Protein backbone atom coordinates (compact mmCIF):
# COMPACT_ATOMS: atom_id res chain seq x y z
CA MET A 1 12.70 -9.27 26.99
CA ILE A 2 13.92 -12.25 24.97
CA GLN A 3 13.70 -11.58 21.26
CA SER A 4 12.85 -14.33 18.82
CA ASP A 5 14.48 -14.68 15.43
CA ILE A 6 11.95 -17.30 14.39
CA TYR A 7 10.02 -16.32 11.28
CA ASP A 8 7.38 -18.52 9.70
CA ILE A 9 8.35 -18.17 6.03
CA GLU A 10 5.80 -20.72 4.86
CA ALA A 11 2.99 -18.85 6.61
CA TYR A 12 4.21 -15.52 5.21
CA MET A 13 4.25 -16.92 1.68
CA GLN A 14 0.69 -18.18 2.14
CA ILE A 15 -0.43 -14.76 3.41
CA GLY A 16 0.98 -13.29 0.21
CA GLN A 17 -0.74 -15.91 -1.93
CA ASP A 18 -4.09 -15.28 -0.25
CA GLY A 19 -3.64 -11.55 -0.73
CA TYR A 20 -2.81 -12.08 -4.40
CA GLU A 21 -6.03 -14.04 -4.95
CA PHE A 22 -8.07 -11.43 -3.09
CA LEU A 23 -6.47 -8.55 -5.01
CA LYS A 24 -7.23 -10.13 -8.37
CA LYS A 25 -10.84 -10.52 -7.28
CA ILE A 26 -11.43 -7.10 -5.74
CA ALA A 27 -9.41 -4.78 -8.04
CA PRO A 28 -11.51 -4.85 -11.27
CA LEU A 29 -14.04 -2.05 -11.72
CA THR A 30 -16.93 -4.46 -12.16
CA PRO A 31 -20.50 -3.88 -10.91
CA GLU A 32 -20.18 -6.64 -8.30
CA ASN A 33 -17.17 -4.89 -6.72
CA HIS A 34 -19.20 -1.70 -6.13
CA TRP A 35 -16.36 0.80 -6.66
CA GLN A 36 -17.44 4.46 -6.56
CA LEU A 37 -15.49 7.18 -8.39
CA PHE A 38 -13.95 9.48 -5.77
CA SER A 39 -11.87 11.81 -7.95
CA GLU A 40 -10.15 12.11 -11.34
CA ASP A 41 -7.13 14.22 -12.21
CA ASP A 42 -5.14 14.20 -15.45
CA GLY A 43 -5.94 10.57 -16.20
CA PHE A 44 -5.41 9.36 -12.64
CA LYS A 45 -8.54 8.00 -10.99
CA ILE A 46 -9.38 7.21 -7.37
CA HIS A 47 -12.26 4.91 -6.43
CA ILE A 48 -13.52 4.02 -2.97
CA ARG A 49 -15.72 1.22 -1.72
CA PRO A 50 -17.28 0.99 1.73
CA ASP A 51 -17.10 -2.58 2.97
CA PRO A 52 -20.57 -3.64 4.16
CA ASP A 53 -19.23 -6.16 6.68
CA THR A 54 -16.66 -4.00 8.48
CA GLY A 55 -17.79 -0.46 7.57
CA LEU A 56 -14.19 0.25 6.53
CA CYS A 57 -13.40 1.97 3.26
CA LEU A 58 -11.30 0.38 0.51
CA THR A 59 -9.36 2.74 -1.76
CA ARG A 60 -8.25 2.14 -5.33
CA GLY A 61 -5.93 4.43 -7.31
CA GLU A 62 -4.94 3.92 -10.95
CA GLY A 63 -2.97 5.52 -13.73
CA LEU A 64 -0.61 4.88 -16.65
CA LEU A 65 3.03 5.69 -15.96
CA PRO A 66 5.57 6.06 -18.80
CA TYR A 67 8.06 3.92 -16.91
CA THR A 68 8.96 0.24 -16.72
CA ILE A 69 7.71 -2.15 -14.05
CA ASP A 70 11.27 -2.42 -12.70
CA GLU A 71 11.57 1.36 -12.33
CA ILE A 72 8.25 1.57 -10.49
CA PHE A 73 8.83 -1.49 -8.34
CA ALA A 74 12.18 -0.09 -7.22
CA ILE A 75 10.26 2.81 -5.68
CA ILE A 76 7.57 0.61 -4.10
CA GLU A 77 10.03 -1.75 -2.38
CA ASP A 78 12.15 1.13 -1.03
CA ILE A 79 10.13 1.35 2.20
CA PRO A 80 11.94 4.39 3.72
CA LEU A 81 11.11 6.32 0.53
CA ARG A 82 7.33 6.07 0.97
CA PRO A 83 6.89 9.45 2.74
CA LYS A 84 8.12 11.04 -0.51
CA TYR A 85 5.00 9.91 -2.37
CA ASP A 86 2.46 9.15 0.36
CA GLY A 87 1.28 12.31 2.09
CA ILE A 88 0.18 10.60 5.30
CA CYS A 89 3.15 8.26 5.74
CA GLU A 90 5.61 9.50 8.36
CA SER A 91 8.33 6.85 8.21
CA GLY A 92 9.12 3.29 7.18
CA GLN A 93 11.87 0.74 7.51
CA ILE A 94 12.58 -2.80 6.39
CA ILE A 95 12.70 -5.15 9.38
CA LYS A 96 13.93 -8.20 7.50
CA ARG A 97 14.29 -9.12 3.83
CA PHE A 98 13.91 -12.85 3.39
CA SER A 99 14.33 -12.93 -0.40
CA ASP A 100 13.73 -10.84 -3.52
CA GLU A 101 10.03 -11.65 -3.19
CA LEU A 102 9.42 -11.55 0.56
CA MET A 103 10.10 -8.99 3.29
CA LEU A 104 8.80 -7.74 6.65
CA PHE A 105 8.59 -4.00 7.22
CA TYR A 106 7.34 -1.27 9.59
CA GLN A 107 5.43 1.89 8.68
CA LYS A 108 4.13 4.76 10.75
CA PHE A 109 1.41 7.13 9.56
CA LYS A 110 0.79 10.70 10.70
CA SER A 111 -2.07 11.87 12.87
CA MET A 112 -4.43 14.08 10.87
CA PHE A 113 -6.24 15.95 13.62
CA PHE A 114 -5.39 16.63 17.24
CA VAL A 115 -7.91 13.98 18.32
CA ILE A 116 -6.31 11.21 16.27
CA SER A 117 -3.13 9.42 17.27
CA SER A 118 -0.52 8.22 14.80
CA ARG A 119 -1.01 4.70 13.43
CA ASP A 120 1.62 2.09 12.69
CA PHE A 121 1.70 -1.31 11.01
CA ILE A 122 3.95 -4.37 10.85
CA VAL A 123 3.54 -5.68 7.31
CA ILE A 124 4.57 -8.80 5.42
CA SER A 125 5.03 -8.10 1.72
CA ARG A 126 5.25 -10.58 -1.14
CA LYS A 127 6.05 -10.03 -4.81
CA ILE A 128 4.37 -12.26 -7.40
CA VAL A 129 5.02 -12.11 -11.16
CA ASP A 130 2.27 -13.43 -13.43
CA GLY A 131 3.01 -12.89 -17.13
CA ASN A 132 2.83 -9.15 -17.91
CA PHE A 133 1.64 -8.45 -14.37
CA THR A 134 3.69 -7.87 -11.24
CA TYR A 135 1.90 -7.88 -7.89
CA ALA A 136 3.16 -6.48 -4.59
CA ILE A 137 0.92 -7.63 -1.75
CA GLY A 138 1.07 -6.42 1.84
CA LYS A 139 -0.83 -7.52 4.94
CA SER A 140 -0.50 -6.83 8.67
CA LEU A 141 0.80 -9.32 11.17
CA GLU A 142 2.20 -9.25 14.68
CA HIS A 143 5.69 -10.27 15.80
CA PRO A 144 6.97 -10.45 19.39
CA ASN A 145 10.03 -8.35 18.50
CA HIS A 146 7.83 -5.45 17.45
CA PRO A 147 5.06 -4.83 19.99
CA PRO A 148 2.82 -1.73 19.89
CA ILE A 149 4.51 1.56 20.83
CA LYS A 150 3.14 3.77 23.60
CA GLY A 151 1.19 6.69 22.13
CA VAL A 152 0.86 5.07 18.70
CA VAL A 153 -2.16 2.98 17.73
CA ARG A 154 -1.31 -0.33 16.05
CA GLY A 155 -3.52 -0.58 12.96
CA ASP A 156 -4.52 -3.58 10.89
CA LEU A 157 -3.71 -3.54 7.17
CA LYS A 158 -6.17 -6.03 5.75
CA ILE A 159 -4.72 -5.67 2.25
CA GLY A 160 -2.37 -3.26 0.56
CA GLY A 161 -1.46 -4.16 -2.97
CA TRP A 162 -0.01 -3.02 -6.27
CA ILE A 163 -0.86 -4.43 -9.69
CA LEU A 164 1.65 -3.36 -12.33
CA GLU A 165 0.75 -4.25 -15.92
CA LYS A 166 3.29 -3.96 -18.72
CA ARG A 167 1.97 -2.00 -21.71
CA GLU A 168 3.49 -0.61 -24.91
CA THR A 169 3.46 2.95 -23.57
CA GLY A 170 4.62 2.14 -20.04
CA THR A 171 3.05 0.52 -16.99
CA PHE A 172 -0.58 0.64 -15.91
CA CYS A 173 -0.64 0.83 -12.12
CA ILE A 174 -3.42 -0.03 -9.70
CA PHE A 175 -3.01 0.50 -5.97
CA VAL A 176 -5.57 -0.96 -3.54
CA THR A 177 -5.56 -0.49 0.20
CA TRP A 178 -7.93 -1.60 2.96
CA ALA A 179 -6.96 -0.86 6.54
CA ASP A 180 -8.55 -0.76 9.95
CA PRO A 181 -6.89 2.21 11.70
CA LYS A 182 -8.58 1.16 14.96
CA GLY A 183 -10.46 3.60 17.16
CA MET A 184 -13.21 5.98 16.10
CA LEU A 185 -12.50 8.20 13.10
CA PRO A 186 -14.68 11.08 11.86
CA LYS A 187 -15.99 10.86 8.30
CA LYS A 188 -13.84 13.84 7.28
CA ALA A 189 -10.71 11.97 8.34
CA VAL A 190 -11.76 8.85 6.41
CA ASN A 191 -12.27 10.90 3.24
CA ILE A 192 -8.88 12.60 3.62
CA VAL A 193 -7.18 9.23 4.01
CA ALA A 194 -9.02 7.84 0.96
CA GLY A 195 -7.89 10.74 -1.19
CA ALA A 196 -4.31 10.73 0.07
CA GLN A 197 -3.86 6.99 -0.35
CA GLY A 198 -5.38 6.96 -3.82
CA LYS A 199 -2.95 9.65 -4.97
CA VAL A 200 0.15 7.52 -4.47
CA VAL A 201 0.11 6.32 -8.09
CA GLN A 202 0.21 9.90 -9.37
CA GLN A 203 2.81 10.87 -6.79
CA ILE A 204 5.12 8.03 -7.83
CA LYS A 205 4.97 9.35 -11.40
CA LEU A 206 6.01 12.80 -10.16
CA LEU A 207 8.85 11.25 -8.17
CA LEU A 208 10.11 9.34 -11.21
CA ASP A 209 9.71 12.44 -13.39
CA GLU A 210 11.91 14.39 -10.99
CA LYS A 211 14.47 11.58 -10.87
CA LYS A 212 14.61 11.49 -14.69
CA LYS A 213 14.95 15.25 -14.84
CA ASN A 214 17.90 15.21 -12.44
CA VAL A 215 19.63 12.43 -14.40
CA ASN A 216 19.29 14.39 -17.64
CA LYS A 217 20.76 17.61 -16.21
């Protein structure tokens, strides 16, 4: 198989720009966005929203972290670290970093029941800074160097994004994800995924708390 090192940077940047515009539109908890409260724990909230067109569920987690945007973003862009704060993520690796604001990466997610195969995604990620806000936008794409793996279902991440807002007491974080895992999933599995994905904001806080604790020992 002949591998191609050709990457369409312009197209990748546009994917990130489109995701940024979509994220700004869909993230607010406004009546027209139809978010439904899924759970609340110690100030961290998870909302879900069934998409009427696809039947897929969007997930939104939020919370205030007493850390800087740089400290939080350092965790988010460390792709191999994601299993530490995302309960359903099995592994991740950076395929190619094009710049400080653009990279291509791979992630594999665990199967939840014996009837469900693992899922994986090839994702382009772009960072956009807009005043006090930093956005990290991810979206699936395909590349000839990284075809689907036997026994693993290649999913479609329609949008995966972080909105980090600088505040006096820290950083207010919003995480939104909308993915098509492909195949038929039972409702129980969908609800587990929604809860697990929404918890990543809270789990990042715990990870940073532990890191701070170890530094201060």
